[in-house]
C-alpha atoms as a PDB file:
ATOM      1  CA  MET A   1     245.479  -7.554  82.715  1.00  0.00           C
ATOM      2  CA  SER A   2     245.091 -10.604  84.770  1.00  0.00           C
ATOM      3  CA  THR A   3     242.762  -8.882  87.115  1.00  0.00           C
ATOM      4  CA  SER A   4     240.361  -7.899  84.403  1.00  0.00           C
ATOM      5  CA  THR A   5     240.478 -11.463  83.020  1.00  0.00           C
ATOM      6  CA  ASP A   6     239.654 -12.886  86.446  1.00  0.00           C
ATOM      7  CA  ARG A   7     236.623 -10.599  86.725  1.00  0.00           C
ATOM      8  CA  MET A   8     235.316 -11.640  83.324  1.00  0.00           C
ATOM      9  CA  SER A   9     235.737 -15.320  84.113  1.00  0.00           C
ATOM     10  CA  ARG A  10     234.038 -15.076  87.523  1.00  0.00           C
ATOM     11  CA  PRO A  11     230.253 -15.943  87.455  1.00  0.00           C
ATOM     12  CA  SER A  12     227.792 -13.141  88.267  1.00  0.00           C
ATOM     13  CA  ALA A  13     225.394 -13.354  91.269  1.00  0.00           C
ATOM     14  CA  PRO A  14     221.750 -14.398  90.586  1.00  0.00           C
ATOM     15  CA  PRO A  15     219.132 -11.525  90.506  1.00  0.00           C
ATOM     16  CA  SER A  16     217.040 -10.956  93.670  1.00  0.00           C
ATOM     17  CA  ILE A  17     213.382 -12.174  93.507  1.00  0.00           C
ATOM     18  CA  PRO A  18     210.757 -10.275  95.582  1.00  0.00           C
ATOM     19  CA  ILE A  19     209.075 -12.500  98.067  1.00  0.00           C
ATOM     20  CA  ALA A  20     205.476 -11.796  99.247  1.00  0.00           C
ATOM     21  CA  VAL A  21     205.233 -11.734 102.962  1.00  0.00           C
ATOM     22  CA  ALA A  22     201.762 -11.874 104.651  1.00  0.00           C
ATOM     23  CA  THR A  23     201.187  -9.184 107.101  1.00  0.00           C
ATOM     24  CA  PRO A  24     198.157  -8.995 109.433  1.00  0.00           C
ATOM     25  CA  VAL A  25     195.398  -6.423 108.391  1.00  0.00           C
ATOM     26  CA  ASP A  26     193.213  -4.695 111.060  1.00  0.00           C
ATOM     27  CA  VAL A  27     189.755  -5.511 109.697  1.00  0.00           C
ATOM     28  CA  GLU A  28     187.957  -4.207 112.742  1.00  0.00           C
ATOM     29  CA  ALA A  29     189.528  -0.790 112.220  1.00  0.00           C
ATOM     30  CA  ASP A  30     188.061  -0.600 108.696  1.00  0.00           C
ATOM     31  CA  GLU A  31     184.634  -1.661 109.990  1.00  0.00           C
ATOM     32  CA  ARG A  32     184.870   1.046 112.635  1.00  0.00           C
ATOM     33  CA  ASP A  33     185.746   3.658 110.020  1.00  0.00           C
ATOM     34  CA  ALA A  34     182.803   2.621 107.937  1.00  0.00           C
ATOM     35  CA  ALA A  35     180.513   2.752 110.973  1.00  0.00           C
ATOM     36  CA  ASN A  36     181.843   6.153 111.947  1.00  0.00           C
ATOM     37  CA  GLU A  37     181.186   7.439 108.393  1.00  0.00           C
ATOM     38  CA  ALA A  38     177.661   5.990 108.445  1.00  0.00           C
ATOM     39  CA  ALA A  39     177.019   7.599 111.877  1.00  0.00           C
ATOM     40  CA  ALA A  40     178.361  10.882 110.616  1.00  0.00           C
ATOM     41  CA  ALA A  41     176.133  10.732 107.557  1.00  0.00           C
ATOM     42  CA  GLU A  42     173.115   9.866 109.764  1.00  0.00           C
ATOM     43  CA  ALA A  43     173.916  12.805 112.088  1.00  0.00           C
ATOM     44  CA  ARG A  44     174.187  15.155 109.082  1.00  0.00           C
ATOM     45  CA  GLU A  45     170.810  13.848 107.851  1.00  0.00           C
ATOM     46  CA  ARG A  46     169.207  14.439 111.255  1.00  0.00           C
ATOM     47  CA  GLY A  47     170.706  17.906 111.314  1.00  0.00           C
ATOM     48  CA  THR A  48     169.262  18.622 107.872  1.00  0.00           C
ATOM     49  CA  GLU A  49     165.869  17.420 109.038  1.00  0.00           C
ATOM     50  CA  MET A  50     166.049  19.739 112.057  1.00  0.00           C
ATOM     51  CA  ILE A  51     166.978  22.608 109.679  1.00  0.00           C
ATOM     52  CA  ARG A  52     164.004  21.710 107.465  1.00  0.00           C
ATOM     53  CA  ASP A  53     161.586  21.555 110.391  1.00  0.00           C
ATOM     54  CA  HIS A  54     162.773  24.945 111.572  1.00  0.00           C
ATOM     55  CA  LEU A  55     162.354  26.390 108.131  1.00  0.00           C
ATOM     56  CA  ASP A  56     158.813  24.955 107.797  1.00  0.00           C
ATOM     57  CA  SER A  57     157.788  26.518 111.075  1.00  0.00           C
ATOM     58  CA  HIS A  58     159.413  29.843 110.121  1.00  0.00           C
ATOM     59  CA  LEU A  59     157.767  30.007 106.708  1.00  0.00           C
ATOM     60  CA  THR A  60     154.410  29.089 108.243  1.00  0.00           C
ATOM     61  CA  LEU A  61     154.584  32.007 110.614  1.00  0.00           C
ATOM     62  CA  ASN A  62     156.270  34.396 108.174  1.00  0.00           C
ATOM     63  CA  PRO A  63     155.109  33.665 104.632  1.00  0.00           C
ATOM     64  CA  GLY A  64     156.990  36.634 103.100  1.00  0.00           C
ATOM     65  CA  SER A  65     160.251  35.868 104.823  1.00  0.00           C
ATOM     66  CA  SER A  66     163.496  35.841 102.870  1.00  0.00           C
ATOM     67  CA  TYR A  67     166.670  33.770 103.336  1.00  0.00           C
ATOM     68  CA  VAL A  68     168.408  36.587 105.234  1.00  0.00           C
ATOM     69  CA  THR A  69     165.532  37.154 107.614  1.00  0.00           C
ATOM     70  CA  TRP A  70     165.355  33.372 108.236  1.00  0.00           C
ATOM     71  CA  ILE A  71     169.007  33.270 109.181  1.00  0.00           C
ATOM     72  CA  ALA A  72     168.546  36.395 111.300  1.00  0.00           C
ATOM     73  CA  ALA A  73     165.727  34.678 113.088  1.00  0.00           C
ATOM     74  CA  LEU A  74     168.223  32.190 114.467  1.00  0.00           C
ATOM     75  CA  HIS A  75     169.925  34.929 116.424  1.00  0.00           C
ATOM     76  CA  PRO A  76     167.200  36.954 118.123  1.00  0.00           C
ATOM     77  CA  GLU A  77     169.540  38.155 120.862  1.00  0.00           C
ATOM     78  CA  ASN A  78     171.527  40.288 118.408  1.00  0.00           C
ATOM     79  CA  ALA A  79     170.244  43.700 117.517  1.00  0.00           C
ATOM     80  CA  THR A  80     172.063  43.594 114.233  1.00  0.00           C
ATOM     81  CA  VAL A  81     172.764  40.379 112.516  1.00  0.00           C
ATOM     82  CA  ALA A  82     175.609  39.950 109.999  1.00  0.00           C
ATOM     83  CA  ILE A  83     175.155  36.937 107.816  1.00  0.00           C
ATOM     84  CA  ASP A  84     178.249  34.779 107.578  1.00  0.00           C
ATOM     85  CA  PRO A  85     179.412  34.548 103.918  1.00  0.00           C
ATOM     86  CA  ARG A  86     179.505  30.767 104.238  1.00  0.00           C
ATOM     87  CA  PHE A  87     175.671  30.835 104.555  1.00  0.00           C
ATOM     88  CA  LEU A  88     175.616  32.346 101.033  1.00  0.00           C
ATOM     89  CA  THR A  89     177.901  29.714  99.500  1.00  0.00           C
ATOM     90  CA  PRO A  90     176.027  27.786  96.816  1.00  0.00           C
ATOM     91  CA  GLY A  91     175.371  24.209  97.870  1.00  0.00           C
ATOM     92  CA  ASN A  92     175.591  24.741 101.639  1.00  0.00           C
ATOM     93  CA  PRO A  93     172.891  22.771 103.526  1.00  0.00           C
ATOM     94  CA  TRP A  94     171.083  25.882 104.889  1.00  0.00           C
ATOM     95  CA  LEU A  95     170.678  27.484 101.473  1.00  0.00           C
ATOM     96  CA  THR A  96     169.735  24.204  99.906  1.00  0.00           C
ATOM     97  CA  VAL A  97     167.018  23.402 102.512  1.00  0.00           C
ATOM     98  CA  TYR A  98     165.759  26.998 102.212  1.00  0.00           C
ATOM     99  CA  GLN A  99     165.329  26.773  98.481  1.00  0.00           C
ATOM    100  CA  GLU A 100     163.643  23.356  98.749  1.00  0.00           C
ATOM    101  CA  GLY A 101     161.276  24.490 101.541  1.00  0.00           C
ATOM    102  CA  LYS A 102     160.344  27.722  99.715  1.00  0.00           C
ATOM    103  CA  TYR A 103     159.562  25.805  96.561  1.00  0.00           C
ATOM    104  CA  ASP A 104     157.566  23.173  98.406  1.00  0.00           C
ATOM    105  CA  LEU A 105     155.592  25.919 100.235  1.00  0.00           C
ATOM    106  CA  ARG A 106     154.647  27.679  96.995  1.00  0.00           C
ATOM    107  CA  LYS A 107     153.752  24.417  95.348  1.00  0.00           C
ATOM    108  CA  GLY A 108     151.541  23.477  98.267  1.00  0.00           C
ATOM    109  CA  GLU A 109     149.806  26.846  98.131  1.00  0.00           C
ATOM    110  CA  GLU A 110     149.078  26.453  94.438  1.00  0.00           C
ATOM    111  CA  SER A 111     147.817  22.925  94.966  1.00  0.00           C
ATOM    112  CA  ALA A 112     145.497  24.120  97.713  1.00  0.00           C
ATOM    113  CA  VAL A 113     144.039  26.903  95.516  1.00  0.00           C
ATOM    114  CA  VAL A 114     143.531  24.453  92.642  1.00  0.00           C
ATOM    115  CA  THR A 115     141.875  21.929  95.011  1.00  0.00           C
ATOM    116  CA  VAL A 116     139.431  24.548  96.362  1.00  0.00           C
ATOM    117  CA  ASP A 117     138.584  25.824  92.932  1.00  0.00           C
ATOM    118  CA  ALA A 118     137.997  22.282  91.678  1.00  0.00           C
ATOM    119  CA  ALA A 119     135.783  21.464  94.642  1.00  0.00           C
ATOM    120  CA  ALA A 120     133.715  24.605  94.076  1.00  0.00           C
ATOM    121  CA  GLU A 121     133.290  23.721  90.378  1.00  0.00           C
ATOM    122  CA  ASP A 122     132.283  20.174  91.203  1.00  0.00           C
ATOM    123  CA  SER A 123     129.758  21.219  93.779  1.00  0.00           C
ATOM    124  CA  GLY A 124     128.249  23.742  91.397  1.00  0.00           C
ATOM    125  CA  ALA A 125     128.020  26.290  94.245  1.00  0.00           C
ATOM    126  CA  PRO A 126     130.017  29.590  94.349  1.00  0.00           C
ATOM    127  CA  LEU A 127     132.831  29.796  96.729  1.00  0.00           C
ATOM    128  CA  SER A 128     131.113  32.664  98.629  1.00  0.00           C
ATOM    129  CA  GLY A 129     128.381  30.226  99.648  1.00  0.00           C
ATOM    130  CA  VAL A 130     130.812  28.011 101.515  1.00  0.00           C
ATOM    131  CA  THR A 131     131.811  30.584 104.076  1.00  0.00           C
ATOM    132  CA  GLU A 132     129.166  32.923 105.281  1.00  0.00           C
ATOM    133  CA  GLU A 133     129.944  36.591 104.972  1.00  0.00           C
ATOM    134  CA  PRO A 134     129.848  38.663 108.133  1.00  0.00           C
ATOM    135  CA  ASP A 135     126.531  40.410 108.775  1.00  0.00           C
ATOM    136  CA  SER A 136     128.125  43.783 109.685  1.00  0.00           C
ATOM    137  CA  ALA A 137     131.149  45.452 108.175  1.00  0.00           C
ATOM    138  CA  TYR A 138     132.544  48.999 108.553  1.00  0.00           C
ATOM    139  CA  GLY A 139     135.103  50.857 106.571  1.00  0.00           C
ATOM    140  CA  GLY A 140     136.463  54.352 107.240  1.00  0.00           C
ATOM    141  CA  PHE A 141     135.024  57.328 109.024  1.00  0.00           C
ATOM    142  CA  MET A 142     133.334  59.004 106.004  1.00  0.00           C
ATOM    143  CA  ASP A 143     131.328  55.946 104.866  1.00  0.00           C
ATOM    144  CA  LEU A 144     130.393  55.252 108.483  1.00  0.00           C
ATOM    145  CA  VAL A 145     129.003  58.770 108.975  1.00  0.00           C
ATOM    146  CA  LEU A 146     127.254  58.830 105.617  1.00  0.00           C
ATOM    147  CA  GLY A 147     125.875  55.318 106.056  1.00  0.00           C
ATOM    148  CA  PHE A 148     124.266  56.129 109.377  1.00  0.00           C
ATOM    149  CA  THR A 149     122.955  59.413 108.062  1.00  0.00           C
ATOM    150  CA  ILE A 150     121.252  57.618 105.172  1.00  0.00           C
ATOM    151  CA  LEU A 151     120.053  55.016 107.596  1.00  0.00           C
ATOM    152  CA  ILE A 152     118.323  57.768 109.793  1.00  0.00           C
ATOM    153  CA  LEU A 153     116.857  59.154 106.586  1.00  0.00           C
ATOM    154  CA  ALA A 154     115.339  55.777 105.684  1.00  0.00           C
ATOM    155  CA  ILE A 155     113.880  55.312 109.132  1.00  0.00           C
ATOM    156  CA  SER A 156     112.409  58.869 108.922  1.00  0.00           C
ATOM    157  CA  VAL A 157     110.884  58.130 105.589  1.00  0.00           C
ATOM    158  CA  ALA A 158     109.360  54.865 106.782  1.00  0.00           C
ATOM    159  CA  PHE A 159     108.106  56.526 109.961  1.00  0.00           C
ATOM    160  CA  SER A 160     106.458  59.425 108.147  1.00  0.00           C
ATOM    161  CA  VAL A 161     104.782  57.284 105.449  1.00  0.00           C
ATOM    162  CA  GLU A 162     103.576  54.751 108.057  1.00  0.00           C
ATOM    163  CA  LEU A 163     102.221  57.558 110.241  1.00  0.00           C
ATOM    164  CA  ILE A 164     100.157  58.734 107.305  1.00  0.00           C
ATOM    165  CA  GLY A 165      99.135  55.151 106.680  1.00  0.00           C
ATOM    166  CA  LEU A 166      98.101  54.786 110.297  1.00  0.00           C
ATOM    167  CA  TYR A 167      95.963  57.899 109.996  1.00  0.00           C
ATOM    168  CA  CYS A 168      94.235  56.420 106.832  1.00  0.00           C
ATOM    169  CA  TYR A 169      93.619  53.182 108.648  1.00  0.00           C
ATOM    170  CA  ALA A 170      92.151  54.932 111.632  1.00  0.00           C
ATOM    171  CA  SER A 171      89.937  57.007 109.306  1.00  0.00           C
ATOM    172  CA  ALA A 172      88.843  53.805 107.627  1.00  0.00           C
ATOM    173  CA  VAL A 173      87.922  52.300 110.986  1.00  0.00           C
ATOM    174  CA  VAL A 174      85.830  55.359 111.853  1.00  0.00           C
ATOM    175  CA  CYS A 175      84.079  55.353 108.495  1.00  0.00           C
ATOM    176  CA  PHE A 176      83.452  51.569 108.850  1.00  0.00           C
ATOM    177  CA  LYS A 177      81.793  52.117 112.246  1.00  0.00           C
ATOM    178  CA  ILE A 178      79.636  54.989 110.885  1.00  0.00           C
ATOM    179  CA  PHE A 179      78.308  53.162 107.894  1.00  0.00           C
ATOM    180  CA  LYS A 180      77.748  50.072 110.011  1.00  0.00           C
ATOM    181  CA  ALA A 181      75.751  52.106 112.446  1.00  0.00           C
ATOM    182  CA  CYS A 182      73.778  53.648 109.585  1.00  0.00           C
ATOM    183  CA  SER A 183      72.841  50.249 108.216  1.00  0.00           C
ATOM    184  CA  ASP A 184      71.727  48.873 111.587  1.00  0.00           C
ATOM    185  CA  PRO A 185      69.143  47.434 111.344  1.00  0.00           C
ATOM    186  CA  ARG A 186      68.870  48.739 107.764  1.00  0.00           C
ATOM    187  CA  VAL A 187      69.580  51.753 105.637  1.00  0.00           C
ATOM    188  CA  SER A 188      66.735  54.290 105.808  1.00  0.00           C
ATOM    189  CA  THR A 189      66.054  57.479 103.966  1.00  0.00           C
ATOM    190  CA  LEU A 190      67.761  59.606 106.653  1.00  0.00           C
ATOM    191  CA  THR A 191      70.860  57.380 106.821  1.00  0.00           C
ATOM    192  CA  ALA A 192      71.327  56.709 103.125  1.00  0.00           C
ATOM    193  CA  LEU A 193      73.497  59.793 102.491  1.00  0.00           C
ATOM    194  CA  PRO A 194      75.943  59.292 105.441  1.00  0.00           C
ATOM    195  CA  PHE A 195      76.003  55.568 104.704  1.00  0.00           C
ATOM    196  CA  ALA A 196      77.001  56.130 101.116  1.00  0.00           C
ATOM    197  CA  ILE A 197      79.641  58.832 102.010  1.00  0.00           C
ATOM    198  CA  CYS A 198      81.205  56.701 104.768  1.00  0.00           C
ATOM    199  CA  TRP A 199      81.157  53.554 102.681  1.00  0.00           C
ATOM    200  CA  LEU A 200      83.005  55.345  99.864  1.00  0.00           C
ATOM    201  CA  LEU A 201      85.494  57.014 102.208  1.00  0.00           C
ATOM    202  CA  TYR A 202      86.113  53.664 103.943  1.00  0.00           C
ATOM    203  CA  HIS A 203      87.193  51.998 100.651  1.00  0.00           C
ATOM    204  CA  VAL A 204      89.286  55.124  99.686  1.00  0.00           C
ATOM    205  CA  PHE A 205      91.139  55.087 102.987  1.00  0.00           C
ATOM    206  CA  ARG A 206      91.751  51.329 102.731  1.00  0.00           C
ATOM    207  CA  PHE A 207      93.131  51.777  99.236  1.00  0.00           C
ATOM    208  CA  LEU A 208      95.345  54.669 100.363  1.00  0.00           C
ATOM    209  CA  ASP A 209      96.649  52.544 103.257  1.00  0.00           C
ATOM    210  CA  VAL A 210      97.684  49.773 100.881  1.00  0.00           C
ATOM    211  CA  MET A 211      99.257  52.255  98.439  1.00  0.00           C
ATOM    212  CA  LEU A 212     101.179  53.905 101.240  1.00  0.00           C
ATOM    213  CA  LEU A 213     102.615  50.524 102.227  1.00  0.00           C
ATOM    214  CA  PHE A 214     103.825  50.078  98.645  1.00  0.00           C
ATOM    215  CA  VAL A 215     105.286  53.612  98.521  1.00  0.00           C
ATOM    216  CA  SER A 216     107.038  53.050 101.899  1.00  0.00           C
ATOM    217  CA  VAL A 217     108.664  49.812 100.662  1.00  0.00           C
ATOM    218  CA  MET A 218     109.807  51.359  97.375  1.00  0.00           C
ATOM    219  CA  MET A 219     111.205  54.498  99.007  1.00  0.00           C
ATOM    220  CA  VAL A 220     113.146  52.449 101.578  1.00  0.00           C
ATOM    221  CA  GLU A 221     114.553  50.179  98.839  1.00  0.00           C
ATOM    222  CA  VAL A 222     115.707  53.314  96.845  1.00  0.00           C
ATOM    223  CA  VAL A 223     117.332  54.818  99.942  1.00  0.00           C
ATOM    224  CA  ALA A 224     119.028  51.472 100.790  1.00  0.00           C
ATOM    225  CA  GLY A 225     120.401  51.270  97.249  1.00  0.00           C
ATOM    226  CA  ILE A 226     121.845  54.796  97.570  1.00  0.00           C
ATOM    227  CA  ASN A 227     123.412  53.801 100.877  1.00  0.00           C
ATOM    228  CA  PHE A 228     124.981  50.793  99.200  1.00  0.00           C
ATOM    229  CA  LEU A 229     126.546  52.901  96.436  1.00  0.00           C
ATOM    230  CA  VAL A 230     127.778  55.605  98.862  1.00  0.00           C
ATOM    231  CA  CYS A 231     129.399  53.221 101.333  1.00  0.00           C
ATOM    232  CA  SER A 232     130.925  51.039  98.631  1.00  0.00           C
ATOM    233  CA  LEU A 233     132.497  54.056  96.906  1.00  0.00           C
ATOM    234  CA  PHE A 234     133.841  55.682 100.036  1.00  0.00           C
ATOM    235  CA  SER A 235     135.179  52.440 101.607  1.00  0.00           C
ATOM    236  CA  LEU A 236     136.210  50.814  98.324  1.00  0.00           C
ATOM    237  CA  ASP A 237     134.723  47.591  99.634  1.00  0.00           C
ATOM    238  CA  ARG A 238     131.561  45.979  98.341  1.00  0.00           C
ATOM    239  CA  GLN A 239     131.009  44.119 101.620  1.00  0.00           C
ATOM    240  CA  VAL A 240     130.798  47.403 103.528  1.00  0.00           C
ATOM    241  CA  GLY A 241     128.120  48.645 101.047  1.00  0.00           C
ATOM    242  CA  ARG A 242     126.222  45.386 101.266  1.00  0.00           C
ATOM    243  CA  SER A 243     126.206  45.569 105.138  1.00  0.00           C
ATOM    244  CA  ALA A 244     124.933  49.186 105.001  1.00  0.00           C
ATOM    245  CA  HIS A 245     122.202  48.222 102.466  1.00  0.00           C
ATOM    246  CA  GLN A 246     120.980  45.329 104.641  1.00  0.00           C
ATOM    247  CA  ARG A 247     121.109  47.503 107.860  1.00  0.00           C
ATOM    248  CA  THR A 248     119.027  50.207 106.202  1.00  0.00           C
ATOM    249  CA  ARG A 249     116.344  47.771 105.033  1.00  0.00           C
ATOM    250  CA  ARG A 250     116.249  46.025 108.370  1.00  0.00           C
ATOM    251  CA  PHE A 251     115.645  49.039 110.547  1.00  0.00           C
ATOM    252  CA  ALA A 252     113.179  50.532 108.114  1.00  0.00           C
ATOM    253  CA  HIS A 253     111.171  47.288 108.003  1.00  0.00           C
ATOM    254  CA  LEU A 254     111.247  47.086 111.842  1.00  0.00           C
ATOM    255  CA  THR A 255     109.694  50.650 111.906  1.00  0.00           C
ATOM    256  CA  ARG A 256     107.096  49.512 109.389  1.00  0.00           C
ATOM    257  CA  TRP A 257     106.279  46.378 111.436  1.00  0.00           C
ATOM    258  CA  ALA A 258     105.819  48.467 114.563  1.00  0.00           C
ATOM    259  CA  PHE A 259     103.082  50.436 112.802  1.00  0.00           C
ATOM    260  CA  ARG A 260     101.433  47.508 111.180  1.00  0.00           C
ATOM    261  CA  ARG A 261     101.229  45.082 113.997  1.00  0.00           C
ATOM    262  CA  ARG A 262      97.928  43.654 115.093  1.00  0.00           C
ATOM    263  CA  PHE A 263      95.277  46.078 116.388  1.00  0.00           C
ATOM    264  CA  GLU A 264      92.046  45.219 118.149  1.00  0.00           C
ATOM    265  CA  TRP A 265      90.128  47.423 115.855  1.00  0.00           C
ATOM    266  CA  GLU A 266      87.512  46.333 113.285  1.00  0.00           C
ATOM    267  CA  PRO A 267      88.023  45.812 110.480  1.00  0.00           C
ATOM    268  CA  LYS A 268      91.412  44.122 110.678  1.00  0.00           C
ATOM    269  CA  ARG A 269      94.163  45.827 108.740  1.00  0.00           C
ATOM    270  CA  SER A 270      95.053  43.951 105.567  1.00  0.00           C
ATOM    271  CA  THR A 271      97.965  44.269 103.209  1.00  0.00           C
ATOM    272  CA  CYS A 272      96.275  44.040  99.841  1.00  0.00           C
ATOM    273  CA  GLY A 273      92.582  44.268 100.639  1.00  0.00           C
ATOM    274  CA  CYS A 274      91.758  40.836  99.464  1.00  0.00           C
ATOM    275  CA  ARG A 275      91.641  37.401 101.073  1.00  0.00           C
ATOM    276  CA  LYS A 276      94.084  34.648 100.369  1.00  0.00           C
ATOM    277  CA  CYS A 277      93.209  31.509  98.491  1.00  0.00           C
ATOM    278  CA  GLY A 278      91.433  29.024 100.705  1.00  0.00           C
ATOM    279  CA  GLU A 279      90.472  31.596 103.323  1.00  0.00           C
ATOM    280  CA  ALA A 280      87.124  31.076 104.865  1.00  0.00           C
ATOM    281  CA  VAL A 281      84.173  33.279 103.836  1.00  0.00           C
ATOM    282  CA  GLU A 282      81.523  33.639 106.475  1.00  0.00           C
ATOM    283  CA  LEU A 283      77.859  34.229 105.586  1.00  0.00           C
ATOM    284  CA  VAL A 284      76.314  36.767 107.957  1.00  0.00           C
ATOM    285  CA  THR A 285      72.544  37.064 108.245  1.00  0.00           C
ATOM    286  CA  THR A 286      71.114  40.400 109.431  1.00  0.00           C
ATOM    287  CA  PRO A 287      67.649  40.076 110.863  1.00  0.00           C
ATOM    288  CA  TYR A 288      64.791  42.323 109.761  1.00  0.00           C
ATOM    289  CA  GLY A 289      62.193  43.571 112.006  1.00  0.00           C
ATOM    290  CA  ASP A 290      59.429  41.097 112.918  1.00  0.00           C
ATOM    291  CA  GLY A 291      61.719  38.099 112.711  1.00  0.00           C
ATOM    292  CA  GLU A 292      62.477  38.341 108.932  1.00  0.00           C
ATOM    293  CA  GLU A 293      65.943  37.752 107.667  1.00  0.00           C
ATOM    294  CA  LYS A 294      67.826  39.282 104.860  1.00  0.00           C
ATOM    295  CA  ALA A 295      69.649  37.235 102.239  1.00  0.00           C
ATOM    296  CA  PRO A 296      73.028  35.999 103.367  1.00  0.00           C
ATOM    297  CA  VAL A 297      75.666  38.695 102.842  1.00  0.00           C
ATOM    298  CA  PRO A 298      79.229  37.419 102.138  1.00  0.00           C
ATOM    299  CA  ALA A 299      81.693  38.802 104.659  1.00  0.00           C
ATOM    300  CA  THR A 300      85.371  38.446 103.835  1.00  0.00           C
ATOM    301  CA  VAL A 301      87.786  37.700 106.715  1.00  0.00           C
ATOM    302  CA  ALA A 302      90.675  40.032 106.040  1.00  0.00           C
ATOM    303  CA  HIS A 303      94.154  38.663 106.244  1.00  0.00           C
ATOM    304  CA  ILE A 304      96.326  39.994 109.101  1.00  0.00           C
ATOM    305  CA  PRO A 305      99.992  40.265 108.096  1.00  0.00           C
ATOM    306  CA  GLU A 306     102.271  38.451 110.459  1.00  0.00           C
ATOM    307  CA  LYS A 307     105.618  39.786 111.664  1.00  0.00           C
ATOM    308  CA  GLU A 308     107.577  37.495 109.367  1.00  0.00           C
ATOM    309  CA  GLU A 309     105.699  38.827 106.288  1.00  0.00           C
ATOM    310  CA  LEU A 310     106.467  42.479 107.176  1.00  0.00           C
ATOM    311  CA  TYR A 311     109.990  41.902 108.372  1.00  0.00           C
ATOM    312  CA  ASP A 312     112.149  41.273 105.420  1.00  0.00           C
ATOM    313  CA  SER A 313     115.775  40.821 106.454  1.00  0.00           C
END
């Protein structure tokens, strides 16, 4: 009993109070950790830039490439490439960069198309006028064979018609010389009939020569149009037909020019039988016998077609 009384009368010990003790903190270690984290972030950024550069180069060389083929291109030494599943994890840097690069490439192509179309509309000229189309184009075997067959046909037509035209021109020259001889020094009773016949035939042959030139041009144009249709249908390409059309016209016109070049004959060969505006008209006086002179006779200087006028490319 006394023992319990002594315990109750004895004062209790004071409670313990925590005391703050200053301990040294390694500030340099924290700075090094922050610097290491910054260096690691910078290294990751540089790595991402390298991935992006590689993707840009790959998409430029392979516009239709997919993500799997891009990853496979990183391992050309392997015949069969198995893509690591981690590459397909959403949010991984390779997949993220690929999606960004693919989107940027498509956006750039659309912007380029819009820019070109806008520039063409602003200039008021068609886009085909900016880049010149090739002069010659060939398709398959059938259109090539048919095109050159029709080309030979056009050359044959031009050659045949121009050969007849050359005969008419030569006949006109002969008639011209005959009626000139019949009228030198003047038309008499004996030379009146041959003079009239040759004069009439001369103008008929000159007219036929001009008409044959017109017929030759029209026939060649028709054959060239047929060549355009045939080559366009068999090659399924309008440019091939256009090339065949121009080739047909060019070779036929070269054939025509070879027949209608300058000759040393009189009268000179003309295209339409009339002079151009502003062309000089000479007045020729034919002397009579005993020193008398006839009235001035107008002589028209016929126009000689140049090569550029006959060659229509």
